[in-house]
N, C-alpha and C. Protein backbone atom coordinates (compact mmCIF):
# COMPACT_ATOMS: atom_id res chain seq x y z
N MET A 1 120.38 133.46 126.07
CA MET A 1 120.30 132.74 124.80
C MET A 1 120.01 131.28 125.10
N THR A 2 119.15 130.67 124.32
CA THR A 2 118.83 129.26 124.47
C THR A 2 119.20 128.51 123.20
N TYR A 3 119.80 127.37 123.38
CA TYR A 3 120.20 126.52 122.26
C TYR A 3 119.69 125.12 122.57
N GLN A 4 118.88 124.57 121.68
CA GLN A 4 118.32 123.25 121.91
C GLN A 4 118.49 122.43 120.65
N SER A 5 118.93 121.19 120.84
CA SER A 5 119.11 120.29 119.71
C SER A 5 119.15 118.86 120.21
N HIS A 6 118.99 117.91 119.32
CA HIS A 6 119.13 116.50 119.66
C HIS A 6 120.52 116.04 119.26
N PHE A 7 121.12 115.23 120.11
CA PHE A 7 122.47 114.74 119.85
C PHE A 7 122.50 113.23 119.99
N LYS A 8 123.37 112.61 119.25
CA LYS A 8 123.55 111.16 119.32
C LYS A 8 124.71 110.86 120.27
N VAL A 9 124.48 109.97 121.22
CA VAL A 9 125.51 109.58 122.18
C VAL A 9 126.26 108.39 121.60
N SER A 10 127.58 108.46 121.66
CA SER A 10 128.42 107.39 121.17
C SER A 10 129.37 106.96 122.28
N ASP A 11 129.33 105.69 122.65
CA ASP A 11 130.18 105.15 123.71
C ASP A 11 130.08 105.97 125.00
N ASN A 12 128.86 106.32 125.37
CA ASN A 12 128.59 107.11 126.57
C ASN A 12 129.30 108.46 126.59
N ASN A 13 129.64 108.99 125.42
CA ASN A 13 130.26 110.30 125.31
C ASN A 13 129.39 111.21 124.46
N LEU A 14 129.39 112.46 124.82
CA LEU A 14 128.62 113.45 124.08
C LEU A 14 129.47 114.70 123.93
N ILE A 15 129.68 115.10 122.70
CA ILE A 15 130.44 116.31 122.43
C ILE A 15 129.48 117.31 121.79
N ILE A 16 129.36 118.48 122.41
CA ILE A 16 128.45 119.50 121.92
C ILE A 16 129.26 120.72 121.51
N LYS A 17 129.16 121.09 120.24
CA LYS A 17 129.79 122.32 119.77
C LYS A 17 128.74 123.41 119.85
N LEU A 18 128.97 124.38 120.71
CA LEU A 18 128.00 125.45 120.93
C LEU A 18 128.24 126.62 119.99
N PRO A 19 127.19 127.38 119.69
CA PRO A 19 127.35 128.59 118.87
C PRO A 19 128.29 129.59 119.57
N SER A 20 128.84 130.49 118.82
CA SER A 20 129.83 131.44 119.35
C SER A 20 129.27 132.31 120.48
N GLY A 21 127.98 132.54 120.52
CA GLY A 21 127.38 133.36 121.57
C GLY A 21 127.52 132.78 122.97
N PHE A 22 127.91 131.53 123.08
CA PHE A 22 128.06 130.87 124.37
C PHE A 22 129.49 130.92 124.89
N ASN A 23 130.39 131.56 124.19
CA ASN A 23 131.79 131.62 124.60
C ASN A 23 131.91 132.31 125.96
N ASN A 24 132.67 131.72 126.87
CA ASN A 24 132.93 132.25 128.22
C ASN A 24 131.66 132.45 129.05
N LYS A 25 130.69 131.56 128.89
CA LYS A 25 129.46 131.63 129.68
C LYS A 25 129.28 130.31 130.42
N GLU A 26 128.41 130.34 131.40
CA GLU A 26 128.05 129.14 132.14
C GLU A 26 126.77 128.60 131.53
N VAL A 27 126.66 127.27 131.36
CA VAL A 27 125.48 126.66 130.76
C VAL A 27 124.93 125.58 131.68
N LEU A 28 123.64 125.31 131.55
CA LEU A 28 122.97 124.24 132.27
C LEU A 28 122.69 123.13 131.27
N VAL A 29 123.10 121.91 131.58
CA VAL A 29 122.87 120.78 130.69
C VAL A 29 121.93 119.80 131.38
N THR A 30 120.83 119.46 130.71
CA THR A 30 119.89 118.47 131.21
C THR A 30 119.83 117.33 130.21
N ILE A 31 120.00 116.12 130.67
CA ILE A 31 120.00 114.95 129.78
C ILE A 31 118.66 114.23 129.93
N THR A 32 117.96 114.04 128.81
CA THR A 32 116.69 113.32 128.80
C THR A 32 116.76 112.25 127.72
N ASP A 33 116.40 111.04 128.08
CA ASP A 33 116.35 109.94 127.12
C ASP A 33 115.09 110.13 126.28
N THR A 34 115.23 110.61 125.05
CA THR A 34 114.06 110.95 124.24
C THR A 34 113.22 109.73 123.87
N GLU A 35 113.83 108.57 123.75
CA GLU A 35 113.05 107.38 123.39
C GLU A 35 112.05 107.06 124.48
N SER A 36 112.47 107.04 125.75
CA SER A 36 111.54 106.73 126.83
C SER A 36 110.56 107.88 127.02
N HIS A 37 111.00 109.10 126.75
CA HIS A 37 110.11 110.26 126.87
C HIS A 37 109.00 110.18 125.83
N GLU A 38 109.33 109.77 124.63
CA GLU A 38 108.32 109.62 123.58
C GLU A 38 107.33 108.52 123.93
N ALA A 39 107.80 107.43 124.50
CA ALA A 39 106.91 106.34 124.90
C ALA A 39 105.94 106.82 125.98
N GLU A 40 106.42 107.66 126.88
CA GLU A 40 105.56 108.22 127.92
C GLU A 40 104.49 109.12 127.31
N LYS A 41 104.86 109.94 126.33
CA LYS A 41 103.90 110.81 125.66
C LYS A 41 102.83 110.00 124.94
N ILE A 42 103.23 108.94 124.26
CA ILE A 42 102.27 108.09 123.55
C ILE A 42 101.31 107.46 124.54
N SER A 43 101.82 107.02 125.67
CA SER A 43 100.96 106.43 126.70
C SER A 43 99.94 107.45 127.20
N LEU A 44 100.38 108.69 127.42
CA LEU A 44 99.46 109.73 127.87
C LEU A 44 98.42 110.06 126.81
N MET A 45 98.80 110.05 125.52
CA MET A 45 97.84 110.30 124.45
C MET A 45 96.79 109.19 124.39
N LYS A 46 97.21 107.95 124.63
CA LYS A 46 96.25 106.84 124.64
C LYS A 46 95.26 107.00 125.78
N GLN A 47 95.75 107.48 126.94
CA GLN A 47 94.85 107.72 128.07
C GLN A 47 93.88 108.86 127.74
N ALA A 48 94.38 109.91 127.09
CA ALA A 48 93.52 111.05 126.75
C ALA A 48 92.42 110.64 125.79
N ALA A 49 92.71 109.71 124.90
CA ALA A 49 91.72 109.27 123.92
C ALA A 49 90.51 108.61 124.58
N LYS A 50 90.65 108.23 125.85
CA LYS A 50 89.54 107.60 126.58
C LYS A 50 89.00 108.49 127.69
N ASP A 51 89.59 109.68 127.86
CA ASP A 51 89.20 110.57 128.95
C ASP A 51 87.93 111.34 128.58
N PRO A 52 86.84 111.18 129.32
CA PRO A 52 85.57 111.83 128.97
C PRO A 52 85.67 113.37 128.95
N LEU A 53 86.39 113.96 129.88
CA LEU A 53 86.51 115.41 129.91
C LEU A 53 87.28 115.93 128.69
N TYR A 54 88.36 115.25 128.35
CA TYR A 54 89.14 115.63 127.16
C TYR A 54 88.29 115.49 125.90
N LEU A 55 87.56 114.38 125.78
CA LEU A 55 86.73 114.15 124.61
C LEU A 55 85.61 115.20 124.52
N ALA A 56 85.05 115.60 125.66
CA ALA A 56 84.02 116.64 125.66
C ALA A 56 84.60 117.98 125.19
N ASP A 57 85.81 118.29 125.66
CA ASP A 57 86.47 119.52 125.21
C ASP A 57 86.75 119.49 123.72
N LEU A 58 87.19 118.37 123.24
CA LEU A 58 87.49 118.21 121.82
C LEU A 58 86.22 118.37 120.99
N LYS A 59 85.11 117.79 121.45
CA LYS A 59 83.84 117.93 120.74
C LYS A 59 83.38 119.39 120.72
N GLU A 60 83.57 120.07 121.84
CA GLU A 60 83.18 121.48 121.91
C GLU A 60 83.95 122.33 120.91
N VAL A 61 85.24 122.10 120.80
CA VAL A 61 86.06 122.84 119.84
C VAL A 61 85.63 122.51 118.41
N ASN A 62 85.40 121.24 118.13
CA ASN A 62 84.94 120.83 116.79
C ASN A 62 83.60 121.47 116.46
N ASP A 63 82.70 121.51 117.43
CA ASP A 63 81.39 122.13 117.21
C ASP A 63 81.53 123.63 116.92
N ASP A 64 82.45 124.29 117.62
CA ASP A 64 82.67 125.72 117.41
C ASP A 64 83.11 126.03 115.98
N PHE A 65 83.89 125.15 115.39
CA PHE A 65 84.43 125.41 114.05
C PHE A 65 83.63 124.73 112.94
N GLU A 66 82.62 123.95 113.30
CA GLU A 66 81.84 123.22 112.28
C GLU A 66 81.17 124.16 111.30
N SER A 67 80.66 125.28 111.77
CA SER A 67 79.93 126.19 110.88
C SER A 67 80.83 126.86 109.85
N ILE A 68 82.10 127.04 110.15
CA ILE A 68 83.00 127.69 109.20
C ILE A 68 83.80 126.70 108.35
N GLU A 69 83.62 125.43 108.61
CA GLU A 69 84.39 124.41 107.91
C GLU A 69 84.18 124.44 106.41
N HIS A 70 82.95 124.79 105.98
CA HIS A 70 82.63 124.74 104.56
C HIS A 70 82.72 126.10 103.88
N GLU A 71 83.17 127.10 104.62
CA GLU A 71 83.31 128.43 104.03
C GLU A 71 84.57 128.47 103.17
N THR A 72 84.55 129.32 102.18
CA THR A 72 85.74 129.50 101.34
C THR A 72 86.22 130.94 101.46
N ILE A 73 87.46 131.12 101.23
CA ILE A 73 88.06 132.47 101.32
C ILE A 73 88.00 133.14 99.97
């Protein structure tokens, strides 16, 4: 079973109430600072916006769907 959620840290303490399915089990906890992680993602997206190979792939996908863009169901 996997349980994922965002939690707010208060005074360097974190209390996680787990669903009942986790009773008497061992769990792995990984802590990631989401603010710095989001900044890293934005930086990578800015790099991708200038990457010629990525832009070529994006154009190819757009071209593939251009003919059906004006179709109606």
